[in-house]
Amino acid sequence: MKRDPWEISEGEEPIAATAIHDGHELRPAVLELTGLADSDRLREEDPYTGVFAAVAGTRIVVRRSRFEFDLNRSRGRAIYLKPEDAWGLPVWKREPSAELVAASLGEYDAFYAAAHRLLSEMTRRFGRFVVLDLHSYNHQRGGPGAPFDDPEANPEVNVGTGSLDRARWGLLVDRFIGDLAAFDFRGRNLDVRENVKFRGGNFSRWIHENFADSACCLAVEFKKFFMDEWTGVIDPHEFEAIPQALTSSLSGLRESLQKIDR
């Protein structure tokens, strides 16, 4: 039985979480044509972010790989046609047909239509709401034994806010960053900073353009310190603490939304 490309759940409060790069699946026609090993795809995907998204009752977890369509890029850039579109990786054994590309873009369009329906309903129910757009990123691109990238330029948590209206949402952003950084993360504090590595991608930009009066989307990128990015093996202690840290920030998000409403 064919699975849907994503899973959508609806909760009872004005906080949603998304994991749009969690997926690893490909349509059979795409899988037959891909030039990448599973391990190469997995390294550039955001595995386990779907687990992190479970902190929110309302959530979208995408099952389809970004190597079929990248939902965090604009429609014209959503299909990685050339290696330079995908970190130099040989994405295809041969050039994909126009029909294959059109089918993948049809899935891309269907996702954005589904997201629009969900966020429209959240607007109707709550007035204002927060979306935690959850991602992860690599920091050992030189190879399995290479040094890690400079932590000064690679915070453990990067909060991307490049497309939001800080005059409207700034206090909420500051509260979220402060709460996440203050959490007792296995006896230490996380390095949480804003717009250092990433400023947020197409999905958060689209949310702010389409729900300007109601939605605050925070693009939350976790450095892959909780796993070996080359093998995909997690450190269970670091991994399990991340949803706990995110959960600790939810009450502050609720309070900030209430203040904005007042």
Protein backbone atom coordinates (compact mmCIF):
# COMPACT_ATOMS: atom_id res chain seq x y z
CA MET A 1 0.00 0.00 0.00
CA LYS A 2 1.40 3.39 -1.03
CA ARG A 3 2.38 5.69 1.83
CA ASP A 4 1.68 9.40 1.82
CA PRO A 5 4.81 11.53 1.29
CA TRP A 6 4.25 13.23 4.65
CA GLU A 7 2.36 12.83 7.90
CA ILE A 8 0.28 15.67 9.33
CA SER A 9 -1.10 15.74 12.88
CA GLU A 10 -3.28 18.43 14.44
CA GLY A 11 -2.97 19.36 18.10
CA GLU A 12 -4.78 21.59 20.56
CA GLU A 13 -2.41 24.52 21.04
CA PRO A 14 -0.85 27.26 18.90
CA ILE A 15 2.54 25.59 18.47
CA ALA A 16 3.49 23.43 15.50
CA ALA A 17 6.70 21.60 14.63
CA THR A 18 7.84 20.52 11.19
CA ALA A 19 10.55 18.15 9.95
CA ILE A 20 10.59 18.75 6.21
CA HIS A 21 14.02 17.16 5.63
CA ASP A 22 13.49 14.11 7.85
CA GLY A 23 12.52 11.83 4.97
CA HIS A 24 14.66 9.24 3.21
CA GLU A 25 12.13 7.64 0.85
CA LEU A 26 12.11 8.08 -2.94
CA ARG A 27 9.49 7.22 -5.52
CA PRO A 28 10.52 4.02 -7.40
CA ALA A 29 11.22 5.96 -10.61
CA VAL A 30 13.51 8.33 -8.71
CA LEU A 31 15.20 5.55 -6.77
CA GLU A 32 16.01 3.70 -10.00
CA LEU A 33 17.71 6.79 -11.39
CA THR A 34 19.54 8.13 -8.35
CA GLY A 35 23.33 8.15 -8.51
CA LEU A 36 23.75 8.22 -4.74
CA ALA A 37 24.20 5.51 -2.16
CA ASP A 38 21.77 5.47 0.76
CA SER A 39 24.54 6.63 3.10
CA ASP A 40 25.35 9.64 0.91
CA ARG A 41 21.72 10.72 0.88
CA LEU A 42 21.31 10.15 4.60
CA ARG A 43 24.30 12.33 5.38
CA GLU A 44 22.67 15.37 3.76
CA GLU A 45 19.17 14.67 5.08
CA ASP A 46 18.03 15.58 8.59
CA PRO A 47 17.40 12.19 10.17
CA TYR A 48 15.61 12.03 13.52
CA THR A 49 14.15 15.54 13.26
CA GLY A 50 10.78 13.84 12.98
CA VAL A 51 11.37 12.52 16.50
CA PHE A 52 12.15 16.05 17.69
CA ALA A 53 8.93 17.32 16.07
CA ALA A 54 6.88 15.07 18.36
CA VAL A 55 7.23 17.73 21.09
CA ALA A 56 4.31 19.55 19.41
CA GLY A 57 0.80 18.19 18.94
CA THR A 58 0.52 19.86 15.55
CA ARG A 59 3.28 18.66 13.28
CA ILE A 60 4.31 17.83 9.74
CA VAL A 61 6.89 15.09 9.23
CA VAL A 62 7.95 14.57 5.61
CA ARG A 63 8.85 11.01 4.59
CA ARG A 64 10.14 11.81 1.10
CA SER A 65 13.82 12.67 0.70
CA ARG A 66 15.03 16.13 -0.16
CA PHE A 67 16.86 14.39 -3.03
CA GLU A 68 13.51 14.05 -4.77
CA PHE A 69 12.26 17.57 -3.97
CA ASP A 70 13.65 20.05 -1.48
CA LEU A 71 10.79 21.74 0.31
CA ASN A 72 13.10 24.35 1.81
CA ARG A 73 14.03 25.73 -1.60
CA SER A 74 11.95 27.71 -4.04
CA ARG A 75 10.02 25.70 -6.62
CA GLY A 76 12.50 26.53 -9.37
CA ARG A 77 15.37 25.14 -7.27
CA ALA A 78 13.55 22.30 -5.56
CA ILE A 79 14.96 19.54 -7.80
CA TYR A 80 18.71 18.98 -7.60
CA LEU A 81 19.49 18.69 -11.31
CA LYS A 82 23.27 19.18 -11.17
CA PRO A 83 25.97 18.25 -8.64
CA GLU A 84 26.46 21.92 -7.77
CA ASP A 85 22.83 21.96 -6.60
CA ALA A 86 23.65 19.27 -4.01
CA TRP A 87 27.05 19.81 -2.39
CA GLY A 88 28.84 18.43 -5.47
CA LEU A 89 27.13 15.03 -5.22
CA PRO A 90 26.31 13.04 -8.39
CA VAL A 91 22.57 13.05 -7.88
CA TRP A 92 21.55 11.19 -11.06
CA LYS A 93 22.88 8.29 -13.14
CA ARG A 94 21.51 10.15 -16.15
CA GLU A 95 19.46 13.28 -16.66
CA PRO A 96 15.92 12.87 -15.30
CA SER A 97 13.09 13.15 -17.77
CA ALA A 98 10.77 16.14 -17.85
CA GLU A 99 7.97 13.80 -16.78
CA LEU A 100 9.87 12.65 -13.68
CA VAL A 101 10.69 16.22 -12.69
CA ALA A 102 7.07 17.30 -13.24
CA ALA A 103 5.81 14.48 -11.02
CA SER A 104 8.18 15.46 -8.23
CA LEU A 105 7.16 19.10 -8.53
CA GLY A 106 3.56 17.96 -8.30
CA GLU A 107 4.38 16.47 -4.90
CA TYR A 108 6.12 19.73 -3.94
CA ASP A 109 2.99 21.69 -4.84
CA ALA A 110 0.78 19.24 -2.96
CA PHE A 111 2.88 19.69 0.18
CA TYR A 112 2.57 23.47 0.11
CA ALA A 113 -1.18 23.19 -0.48
CA ALA A 114 -1.48 20.85 2.53
CA ALA A 115 0.66 23.16 4.67
CA HIS A 116 -1.49 26.11 3.65
CA ARG A 117 -4.66 24.29 4.74
CA LEU A 118 -3.12 23.37 8.10
CA LEU A 119 -1.78 26.84 8.87
CA SER A 120 -5.01 28.47 7.72
CA GLU A 121 -6.86 26.31 10.22
CA MET A 122 -4.37 27.28 12.95
CA THR A 123 -4.98 30.93 12.09
CA ARG A 124 -8.72 30.39 12.40
CA ARG A 125 -8.44 28.53 15.71
CA PHE A 126 -5.69 30.46 17.50
CA GLY A 127 -5.18 33.81 15.78
CA ARG A 128 -1.42 33.71 16.29
CA PHE A 129 0.87 30.70 16.43
CA VAL A 130 4.49 29.52 16.27
CA VAL A 131 6.04 27.01 13.87
CA LEU A 132 9.30 25.33 14.88
CA ASP A 133 10.86 24.37 11.54
CA LEU A 134 13.32 21.71 12.73
CA HIS A 135 16.51 20.78 10.88
CA SER A 136 20.00 19.45 11.51
CA TYR A 137 23.31 20.26 9.86
CA ASN A 138 26.74 18.75 9.26
CA HIS A 139 29.94 20.01 10.84
CA GLN A 140 32.54 17.41 9.79
CA ARG A 141 32.55 17.70 6.03
CA GLY A 142 36.21 16.76 5.69
CA GLY A 143 35.53 13.09 6.32
CA PRO A 144 34.98 10.63 9.20
CA GLY A 145 38.33 11.35 10.85
CA ALA A 146 38.52 15.05 10.01
CA PRO A 147 38.40 17.81 12.64
CA PHE A 148 35.02 19.32 13.38
CA ASP A 149 34.23 22.72 11.90
CA ASP A 150 35.01 25.80 14.00
CA PRO A 151 32.39 26.00 16.77
CA GLU A 152 32.54 29.81 16.65
CA ALA A 153 30.84 29.68 13.26
CA ASN A 154 28.80 26.56 13.99
CA PRO A 155 26.59 26.88 17.08
CA GLU A 156 24.97 23.78 18.51
CA VAL A 157 21.60 25.36 17.79
CA ASN A 158 21.18 27.99 15.09
CA VAL A 159 17.85 29.83 15.18
CA GLY A 160 17.12 31.27 11.75
CA THR A 161 14.92 34.37 11.79
CA GLY A 162 15.93 36.05 8.55
CA SER A 163 12.43 36.39 7.12
CA LEU A 164 10.38 37.26 10.20
CA ASP A 165 9.28 40.68 11.40
CA ARG A 166 11.39 41.22 14.50
CA ALA A 167 9.42 44.31 15.49
CA ARG A 168 6.40 42.04 15.92
CA TRP A 169 8.04 38.82 17.09
CA GLY A 170 11.35 39.88 18.63
CA LEU A 171 10.41 39.29 22.28
CA LEU A 172 9.17 35.79 21.44
CA VAL A 173 12.41 35.02 19.57
CA ASP A 174 14.54 36.24 22.47
CA ARG A 175 12.50 34.23 24.97
CA PHE A 176 12.86 31.05 22.90
CA ILE A 177 16.62 31.44 22.51
CA GLY A 178 17.03 32.29 26.19
CA ASP A 179 14.94 29.34 27.40
CA LEU A 180 16.72 26.87 25.14
CA ALA A 181 20.14 28.16 26.20
CA ALA A 182 19.20 28.06 29.89
CA PHE A 183 18.06 24.42 29.83
CA ASP A 184 20.24 22.04 31.83
CA PHE A 185 21.47 19.94 28.93
CA ARG A 186 23.17 17.03 30.66
CA GLY A 187 24.99 19.33 33.06
CA ARG A 188 25.83 22.09 30.59
CA ASN A 189 24.16 24.73 28.46
CA LEU A 190 23.64 24.57 24.72
CA ASP A 191 25.30 27.13 22.48
CA VAL A 192 22.18 28.74 20.94
CA ARG A 193 22.61 31.67 18.57
CA GLU A 194 20.59 33.51 15.96
CA ASN A 195 21.37 33.68 12.21
CA VAL A 196 25.00 32.58 12.54
CA LYS A 197 25.01 29.59 10.17
CA PHE A 198 21.55 29.83 8.59
CA ARG A 199 18.86 32.50 8.36
CA GLY A 200 15.99 30.15 7.46
CA GLY A 201 14.99 28.81 4.07
CA ASN A 202 12.08 28.90 1.66
CA PHE A 203 9.59 27.24 4.01
CA SER A 204 9.86 29.81 6.79
CA ARG A 205 9.90 32.61 4.21
CA TRP A 206 6.73 31.23 2.61
CA ILE A 207 5.02 31.02 6.01
CA HIS A 208 5.84 34.63 6.81
CA GLU A 209 4.68 35.83 3.40
CA ASN A 210 1.38 33.92 3.51
CA PHE A 211 0.58 34.26 7.23
CA ALA A 212 2.24 37.57 8.01
CA ASP A 213 -0.25 38.59 10.70
CA SER A 214 -0.52 35.24 12.45
CA ALA A 215 2.63 33.08 12.14
CA CYS A 216 6.10 33.20 13.62
CA CYS A 217 8.31 30.52 12.09
CA LEU A 218 11.64 29.77 13.79
CA ALA A 219 14.04 27.73 11.63
CA VAL A 220 15.81 25.68 14.32
CA GLU A 221 18.97 23.92 13.11
CA PHE A 222 20.67 21.44 15.44
CA LYS A 223 24.30 20.76 14.69
CA LYS A 224 24.76 16.99 14.39
CA PHE A 225 26.62 16.79 17.70
CA PHE A 226 24.07 14.17 18.78
CA MET A 227 25.13 11.69 16.08
CA ASP A 228 27.96 10.58 13.81
CA GLU A 229 27.06 12.36 10.59
CA TRP A 230 29.07 9.84 8.52
CA THR A 231 27.52 6.64 9.89
CA GLY A 232 24.16 7.93 11.10
CA VAL A 233 24.70 6.37 14.54
CA ILE A 234 23.24 8.48 17.37
CA ASP A 235 24.61 9.18 20.82
CA PRO A 236 21.47 8.17 22.76
CA HIS A 237 22.16 10.46 25.72
CA GLU A 238 22.65 13.60 23.62
CA PHE A 239 19.82 12.60 21.32
CA GLU A 240 17.26 12.06 24.08
CA ALA A 241 18.08 15.41 25.69
CA ILE A 242 17.15 17.42 22.58
CA PRO A 243 13.36 16.85 22.78
CA GLN A 244 13.61 17.62 26.50
CA ALA A 245 15.30 20.93 25.69
CA LEU A 246 12.68 21.80 23.08
CA THR A 247 9.87 20.89 25.48
CA SER A 248 11.35 23.24 28.06
CA SER A 249 10.88 26.15 25.63
CA LEU A 250 7.18 25.58 24.93
CA SER A 251 5.78 27.34 28.01
CA GLY A 252 7.78 30.44 27.10
CA LEU A 253 6.37 30.35 23.58
CA ARG A 254 2.83 30.14 24.98
CA GLU A 255 3.43 33.06 27.32
CA SER A 256 4.98 35.13 24.55
CA LEU A 257 2.01 34.52 22.27
CA GLN A 258 -0.37 35.61 25.03
CA LYS A 259 1.59 38.83 25.54
CA ILE A 260 1.49 39.60 21.83
CA ASP A 261 -2.28 38.98 21.78
CA ARG A 262 -2.73 41.43 24.66
